[in-house]
Amino acid sequence: SQDTVNRPSSTRRQTPLQVAIEMANASAVRRLIELGADVEQRCDRLPSALSLSVTFLYNSIHLNDRTQEQAYLSGKTQANSYDAKQGAVLDVDTAAQRTLSHMLRNTSERKRQILSAARDYFTLPPANHRAVIQALLDGGADANRRYRVEAHHLAEWTPTLFAAQTGDLETFRMLVEHPGNNRGNPELSLMAPTPLERFDALWVAIDHGRHAIATYLIEREKRNRMAQSSPVNF
């Protein structure tokens, strides 16, 4: 039923859709959407399924970027049963306990190899995550859903803006060229623009060195201007 499809469960309060996204199983995602899964329901600490899926794509592409790992160690991700088993009773205990466990896992080369192998095993190919993103878009997921990484931050991201930071051109084009009204808008700004600067997808791409995304957006703008200036034949 629609109720059970959207019901959070487990110590992590995961919905079936969130589990399917973590597994990068596009077929399961499509089936759950058919059964009434809410693609705009909160997933972990992100506001929607599409936001979470783009995050997994980022992690699968940028394997050496430890941003998510640092967020985990600092206690910014949701606590779970593993934290409780390690002795974290309250949320304020999570960061210290995770950092200690991480240090213990790195006390020998053997442990580091096991940790690296486990990370590689659970890091699924980018193509799998792209398929999930496509399934979510087809299911009506909003590519312009606003969210803040931290509550006190001024920047308001969207899945499209984060895809510009991710740098995967295939996914970015998928978002902004989607035929539905839920397509991504690359002109939305992270923050209020200034007279000299606009913090849109092009700014994000240039700021993070995503040259393929920047080139695509510049060419896209040229095509749009040419189309607008072309004479209309009646």
Protein backbone atom coordinates (compact mmCIF):
# COMPACT_ATOMS: atom_id res chain seq x y z
CA SER A 1 0.00 0.00 0.00
CA GLN A 2 1.03 3.64 -0.29
CA ASP A 3 1.28 3.77 3.50
CA THR A 4 3.77 0.92 3.77
CA VAL A 5 5.76 2.09 0.73
CA ASN A 6 6.43 5.41 2.48
CA ARG A 7 6.81 4.11 6.03
CA PRO A 8 10.22 4.74 7.66
CA SER A 9 11.64 1.72 9.44
CA SER A 10 14.85 0.42 11.04
CA THR A 11 17.01 2.36 13.47
CA ARG A 12 17.95 4.72 10.62
CA ARG A 13 14.29 5.47 9.83
CA GLN A 14 14.78 4.53 6.16
CA THR A 15 11.95 4.33 3.68
CA PRO A 16 11.94 1.54 1.07
CA LEU A 17 12.75 4.18 -1.55
CA GLN A 18 15.82 5.29 0.39
CA VAL A 19 17.05 1.70 0.64
CA ALA A 20 16.57 1.23 -3.12
CA ILE A 21 18.54 4.43 -3.79
CA GLU A 22 21.38 3.29 -1.53
CA MET A 23 21.44 0.01 -3.46
CA ALA A 24 21.41 2.01 -6.73
CA ASN A 25 18.62 -0.26 -7.96
CA ALA A 26 16.73 1.70 -10.63
CA SER A 27 14.19 -1.09 -11.21
CA ALA A 28 13.23 -1.11 -7.54
CA VAL A 29 13.01 2.70 -7.53
CA ARG A 30 10.64 2.68 -10.52
CA ARG A 31 8.48 -0.04 -8.98
CA LEU A 32 8.23 1.77 -5.65
CA ILE A 33 7.22 4.99 -7.43
CA GLU A 34 4.52 3.03 -9.28
CA LEU A 35 3.25 1.84 -5.88
CA GLY A 36 3.02 5.39 -4.56
CA ALA A 37 6.45 6.18 -3.10
CA ASP A 38 6.80 9.89 -2.33
CA VAL A 39 9.89 11.11 -4.20
CA GLU A 40 9.84 14.38 -2.23
CA GLN A 41 9.85 12.70 1.17
CA ARG A 42 12.90 13.42 3.31
CA CYS A 43 15.77 10.91 2.92
CA ASP A 44 18.25 10.78 5.78
CA ARG A 45 19.15 14.46 6.33
CA LEU A 46 18.45 15.49 2.76
CA PRO A 47 15.06 16.87 1.68
CA SER A 48 14.27 14.46 -1.15
CA ALA A 49 15.15 11.24 -2.93
CA LEU A 50 16.81 13.05 -5.84
CA SER A 51 19.08 15.03 -3.52
CA LEU A 52 20.22 11.78 -1.91
CA SER A 53 20.76 10.05 -5.25
CA VAL A 54 22.97 12.86 -6.60
CA THR A 55 25.01 12.64 -3.38
CA PHE A 56 25.62 8.93 -3.97
CA LEU A 57 26.63 9.70 -7.54
CA TYR A 58 29.13 12.26 -6.28
CA ASN A 59 30.63 9.73 -3.86
CA SER A 60 30.97 7.08 -6.57
CA ILE A 61 32.77 9.50 -8.93
CA HIS A 62 34.99 11.30 -6.44
CA LEU A 63 36.33 8.32 -4.52
CA ASN A 64 39.19 10.27 -2.98
CA ASP A 65 37.02 13.12 -1.72
CA ARG A 66 36.54 12.55 2.00
CA THR A 67 33.91 15.28 2.51
CA GLN A 68 31.17 12.78 3.31
CA GLU A 69 33.51 10.79 5.53
CA GLN A 70 34.39 13.93 7.49
CA ALA A 71 30.71 14.76 7.84
CA TYR A 72 30.13 11.24 9.20
CA LEU A 73 33.02 11.44 11.67
CA SER A 74 31.91 14.85 12.91
CA GLY A 75 28.45 13.45 13.72
CA LYS A 76 26.58 15.38 11.03
CA THR A 77 24.97 12.27 9.56
CA GLN A 78 22.14 10.41 11.25
CA ALA A 79 23.10 8.11 14.12
CA ASN A 80 22.33 4.41 13.79
CA SER A 81 22.56 1.08 15.59
CA TYR A 82 26.32 0.85 14.93
CA ASP A 83 26.84 4.04 16.93
CA ALA A 84 24.76 2.63 19.78
CA LYS A 85 26.74 -0.62 19.77
CA GLN A 86 29.95 1.40 20.02
CA GLY A 87 28.64 3.17 23.11
CA ALA A 88 27.15 6.42 21.76
CA VAL A 89 24.12 7.04 24.00
CA LEU A 90 23.23 10.58 22.92
CA ASP A 91 23.70 12.48 19.66
CA VAL A 92 26.43 14.56 21.29
CA ASP A 93 28.42 11.34 21.86
CA THR A 94 28.34 10.33 18.21
CA ALA A 95 31.25 12.38 16.85
CA ALA A 96 33.70 11.35 19.57
CA GLN A 97 32.77 7.67 19.30
CA ARG A 98 32.98 7.63 15.50
CA THR A 99 36.36 9.38 15.53
CA LEU A 100 37.71 6.88 18.09
CA SER A 101 36.44 3.91 16.07
CA HIS A 102 37.98 5.37 12.91
CA MET A 103 41.33 5.75 14.64
CA LEU A 104 41.20 2.16 15.88
CA ARG A 105 40.40 0.89 12.38
CA ASN A 106 43.57 2.59 11.13
CA THR A 107 45.97 1.21 13.71
CA SER A 108 47.37 -1.42 11.33
CA GLU A 109 47.88 -1.92 7.61
CA ARG A 110 45.63 -4.99 7.71
CA LYS A 111 42.75 -2.99 9.17
CA ARG A 112 43.27 -0.22 6.62
CA GLN A 113 43.10 -2.78 3.81
CA ILE A 114 39.85 -4.22 5.19
CA LEU A 115 38.35 -0.73 5.49
CA SER A 116 39.42 0.16 1.95
CA ALA A 117 38.00 -3.11 0.56
CA ALA A 118 34.67 -2.55 2.34
CA ARG A 119 34.47 1.01 1.00
CA ASP A 120 35.18 -0.17 -2.54
CA TYR A 121 32.59 -2.94 -2.25
CA PHE A 122 29.81 -0.57 -1.20
CA THR A 123 30.72 2.11 -3.74
CA LEU A 124 28.56 1.26 -6.74
CA PRO A 125 29.30 2.33 -10.35
CA PRO A 126 28.21 5.83 -11.46
CA ALA A 127 26.06 4.30 -14.21
CA ASN A 128 23.85 2.65 -11.57
CA HIS A 129 23.27 5.97 -9.84
CA ARG A 130 22.56 7.71 -13.14
CA ALA A 131 19.85 5.13 -13.84
CA VAL A 132 18.31 5.85 -10.43
CA ILE A 133 18.38 9.60 -11.09
CA GLN A 134 16.63 9.02 -14.43
CA ALA A 135 13.99 6.89 -12.71
CA LEU A 136 13.37 9.58 -10.11
CA LEU A 137 13.08 12.30 -12.76
CA ASP A 138 10.62 10.18 -14.73
CA GLY A 139 8.70 9.74 -11.47
CA GLY A 140 8.32 13.50 -11.06
CA ALA A 141 11.19 14.29 -8.67
CA ASP A 142 11.87 18.03 -8.47
CA ALA A 143 15.36 18.84 -9.75
CA ASN A 144 15.06 22.33 -8.21
CA ARG A 145 14.21 21.31 -4.62
CA ARG A 146 16.00 23.74 -2.31
CA TYR A 147 18.04 22.63 0.70
CA ARG A 148 20.88 23.77 2.93
CA VAL A 149 23.78 21.52 3.85
CA GLU A 150 23.83 23.14 7.29
CA ALA A 151 20.91 25.06 8.80
CA HIS A 152 23.06 28.15 9.36
CA HIS A 153 24.45 28.24 5.80
CA LEU A 154 23.31 30.96 3.41
CA ALA A 155 23.72 28.80 0.30
CA GLU A 156 20.59 26.95 -0.81
CA TRP A 157 21.45 24.04 -3.08
CA THR A 158 19.32 22.08 -5.52
CA PRO A 159 20.01 18.66 -7.07
CA THR A 160 20.87 20.50 -10.30
CA LEU A 161 23.35 22.86 -8.64
CA PHE A 162 24.97 19.96 -6.80
CA ALA A 163 25.18 18.04 -10.09
CA ALA A 164 27.15 21.01 -11.46
CA GLN A 165 29.58 20.60 -8.56
CA THR A 166 29.70 16.83 -9.17
CA GLY A 167 30.89 17.46 -12.71
CA ASP A 168 29.21 14.52 -14.43
CA LEU A 169 28.04 15.99 -17.73
CA GLU A 170 25.72 13.10 -18.59
CA THR A 171 23.80 13.52 -15.34
CA PHE A 172 23.74 17.31 -15.54
CA ARG A 173 22.31 17.22 -19.05
CA MET A 174 19.77 14.64 -17.90
CA LEU A 175 18.54 17.06 -15.25
CA VAL A 176 18.37 20.27 -17.31
CA GLU A 177 17.10 18.65 -20.53
CA HIS A 178 14.41 16.49 -18.95
CA PRO A 179 11.14 17.06 -20.88
CA GLY A 180 8.99 17.41 -17.77
CA ASN A 181 8.21 20.55 -15.79
CA ASN A 182 10.40 19.17 -13.00
CA ARG A 183 13.56 19.67 -15.09
CA GLY A 184 16.54 21.38 -13.49
CA ASN A 185 16.99 25.13 -13.79
CA PRO A 186 20.72 25.96 -14.05
CA GLU A 187 19.99 29.67 -13.61
CA LEU A 188 18.87 29.36 -9.99
CA SER A 189 21.35 30.99 -7.63
CA LEU A 190 22.90 29.50 -4.49
CA MET A 191 22.67 32.87 -2.79
CA ALA A 192 21.30 36.29 -3.64
CA PRO A 193 23.29 37.54 -6.64
CA THR A 194 25.40 40.67 -6.52
CA PRO A 195 25.79 43.29 -9.29
CA LEU A 196 29.05 41.58 -10.30
CA GLU A 197 28.36 37.92 -9.63
CA ARG A 198 25.58 35.38 -9.90
CA PHE A 199 25.97 32.11 -8.03
CA ASP A 200 24.24 29.86 -10.58
CA ALA A 201 25.23 26.48 -12.02
CA LEU A 202 27.87 28.07 -14.25
CA TRP A 203 29.48 29.73 -11.25
CA VAL A 204 29.43 26.44 -9.33
CA ALA A 205 31.00 24.56 -12.26
CA ILE A 206 33.77 27.13 -12.71
CA ASP A 207 34.39 27.40 -8.96
CA HIS A 208 34.90 23.62 -8.71
CA GLY A 209 36.83 23.22 -11.94
CA ARG A 210 34.11 21.27 -13.76
CA HIS A 211 35.13 22.41 -17.24
CA ALA A 212 32.78 20.10 -19.18
CA ILE A 213 29.76 21.48 -17.32
CA ALA A 214 30.93 25.07 -17.79
CA THR A 215 31.48 24.58 -21.54
CA TYR A 216 28.06 22.95 -21.92
CA LEU A 217 26.32 25.84 -20.14
CA ILE A 218 28.14 28.48 -22.19
CA GLU A 219 27.22 26.73 -25.45
CA ARG A 220 23.67 26.25 -24.21
CA GLU A 221 23.37 29.98 -23.54
CA LYS A 222 24.69 30.77 -27.03
CA ARG A 223 22.09 28.46 -28.60
CA ASN A 224 19.29 30.03 -26.57
CA ARG A 225 20.32 33.54 -27.61
CA MET A 226 20.51 32.55 -31.26
CA ALA A 227 17.06 30.96 -31.05
CA GLN A 228 15.61 34.12 -29.49
CA SER A 229 17.19 36.41 -32.06
CA SER A 230 16.22 34.31 -35.10
CA PRO A 231 13.44 35.88 -37.21
CA VAL A 232 10.08 34.16 -37.09
CA ASN A 233 8.64 33.14 -40.45
CA PHE A 234 4.88 33.24 -40.79
